[in-house]
C-alpha atoms as a PDB file:
ATOM      1  CA  MET A   1     -31.782  26.110  12.301  1.00  0.00           C
ATOM      2  CA  GLY A   2     -31.599  29.000   9.901  1.00  0.00           C
ATOM      3  CA  VAL A   3     -33.320  31.985   8.336  1.00  0.00           C
ATOM      4  CA  ARG A   4     -35.441  31.590   5.215  1.00  0.00           C
ATOM      5  CA  ARG A   5     -37.682  33.843   3.131  1.00  0.00           C
ATOM      6  CA  ALA A   6     -41.295  33.701   4.362  1.00  0.00           C
ATOM      7  CA  HIS A   7     -42.671  32.156   1.142  1.00  0.00           C
ATOM      8  CA  GLU A   8     -40.364  29.148   1.597  1.00  0.00           C
ATOM      9  CA  PHE A   9     -42.497  28.088   4.579  1.00  0.00           C
ATOM     10  CA  LEU A  10     -45.746  27.914   2.602  1.00  0.00           C
ATOM     11  CA  PRO A  11     -47.296  24.430   2.306  1.00  0.00           C
ATOM     12  CA  THR A  12     -47.092  24.648  -1.486  1.00  0.00           C
ATOM     13  CA  GLN A  13     -43.296  24.938  -1.359  1.00  0.00           C
ATOM     14  CA  GLY A  14     -41.614  21.766  -2.651  1.00  0.00           C
ATOM     15  CA  ASP A  15     -38.398  22.117  -0.682  1.00  0.00           C
ATOM     16  CA  SER A  16     -37.021  23.925   2.341  1.00  0.00           C
ATOM     17  CA  GLY A  17     -35.289  26.603   0.298  1.00  0.00           C
ATOM     18  CA  THR A  18     -31.770  27.810   0.878  1.00  0.00           C
ATOM     19  CA  SER A  19     -29.965  29.387   3.801  1.00  0.00           C
ATOM     20  CA  GLN A  20     -28.743  32.142   1.490  1.00  0.00           C
ATOM     21  CA  VAL A  21     -30.966  35.194   1.054  1.00  0.00           C
ATOM     22  CA  LEU A  22     -30.021  37.557  -1.764  1.00  0.00           C
ATOM     23  CA  LEU A  23     -29.768  41.216  -0.737  1.00  0.00           C
ATOM     24  CA  PRO A  24     -29.130  44.297  -2.894  1.00  0.00           C
ATOM     25  CA  ASN A  25     -25.517  44.424  -1.716  1.00  0.00           C
ATOM     26  CA  GLY A  26     -24.688  40.763  -1.218  1.00  0.00           C
ATOM     27  CA  VAL A  27     -25.922  37.569   0.379  1.00  0.00           C
ATOM     28  CA  LEU A  28     -27.178  36.930   3.909  1.00  0.00           C
ATOM     29  CA  SER A  29     -26.646  33.555   5.496  1.00  0.00           C
ATOM     30  CA  ALA A  30     -27.956  33.293   9.051  1.00  0.00           C
ATOM     31  CA  VAL A  31     -27.690  29.838  10.560  1.00  0.00           C
ATOM     32  CA  VAL A  32     -27.318  28.373  14.008  1.00  0.00           C
ATOM     33  CA  VAL A  33     -24.810  25.552  14.404  1.00  0.00           C
ATOM     34  CA  PHE A  34     -25.224  23.354  17.450  1.00  0.00           C
ATOM     35  CA  GLY A  35     -22.196  21.746  19.066  1.00  0.00           C
ATOM     36  CA  GLY A  36     -21.458  18.085  18.771  1.00  0.00           C
ATOM     37  CA  THR A  37     -19.641  15.764  16.452  1.00  0.00           C
ATOM     38  CA  ALA A  38     -20.636  13.017  14.057  1.00  0.00           C
ATOM     39  CA  SER A  39     -20.181  10.453  16.815  1.00  0.00           C
ATOM     40  CA  THR A  40     -21.666  12.657  19.585  1.00  0.00           C
ATOM     41  CA  PRO A  41     -24.415  14.850  18.134  1.00  0.00           C
ATOM     42  CA  ALA A  42     -25.728  17.919  19.957  1.00  0.00           C
ATOM     43  CA  PHE A  43     -29.020  16.110  20.604  1.00  0.00           C
ATOM     44  CA  ALA A  44     -29.135  12.447  21.539  1.00  0.00           C
ATOM     45  CA  SER A  45     -32.316  11.851  19.549  1.00  0.00           C
ATOM     46  CA  PRO A  46     -35.019  13.647  17.596  1.00  0.00           C
ATOM     47  CA  ALA A  47     -37.114  13.484  20.781  1.00  0.00           C
ATOM     48  CA  ALA A  48     -34.360  15.285  22.718  1.00  0.00           C
ATOM     49  CA  ALA A  49     -34.225  18.013  20.056  1.00  0.00           C
ATOM     50  CA  GLU A  50     -38.008  18.335  20.145  1.00  0.00           C
ATOM     51  CA  ALA A  51     -37.945  18.577  23.952  1.00  0.00           C
ATOM     52  CA  TRP A  52     -35.353  21.373  23.716  1.00  0.00           C
ATOM     53  CA  MET A  53     -37.721  23.215  21.390  1.00  0.00           C
ATOM     54  CA  GLY A  54     -40.006  23.629  24.399  1.00  0.00           C
ATOM     55  CA  SER A  55     -37.303  25.427  26.399  1.00  0.00           C
ATOM     56  CA  GLU A  56     -36.886  29.123  27.154  1.00  0.00           C
ATOM     57  CA  GLN A  57     -33.477  29.048  25.422  1.00  0.00           C
ATOM     58  CA  TYR A  58     -35.138  27.900  22.193  1.00  0.00           C
ATOM     59  CA  ALA A  59     -37.855  30.557  22.532  1.00  0.00           C
ATOM     60  CA  GLN A  60     -35.205  33.270  22.904  1.00  0.00           C
ATOM     61  CA  LEU A  61     -33.174  31.987  19.951  1.00  0.00           C
ATOM     62  CA  LYS A  62     -36.279  31.773  17.762  1.00  0.00           C
ATOM     63  CA  ALA A  63     -37.324  35.300  18.757  1.00  0.00           C
ATOM     64  CA  MET A  64     -33.877  36.637  17.875  1.00  0.00           C
ATOM     65  CA  LEU A  65     -33.853  34.957  14.468  1.00  0.00           C
ATOM     66  CA  LEU A  66     -37.389  36.167  13.718  1.00  0.00           C
ATOM     67  CA  SER A  67     -36.412  39.716  14.652  1.00  0.00           C
ATOM     68  CA  LEU A  68     -33.770  39.995  11.926  1.00  0.00           C
ATOM     69  CA  SER A  69     -34.537  42.632   9.344  1.00  0.00           C
ATOM     70  CA  TYR A  70     -32.698  44.273   6.504  1.00  0.00           C
ATOM     71  CA  LYS A  71     -33.237  47.928   5.714  1.00  0.00           C
END
């Protein structure tokens, strides 16, 4: 889960972009890393990850990431 420029979410975009956003004074990289290991991932299956996306915790995390701004 990470932050991208808005145009990278348009249906015409060929890829998912980059997690690095260029700023006038540097580069922003805002990502969320979930716990787990290669042998024990954070989510047991794609269905488990999708179910988590219906949770209040996900809603709060999404709201926080969407609230980021640079001035």
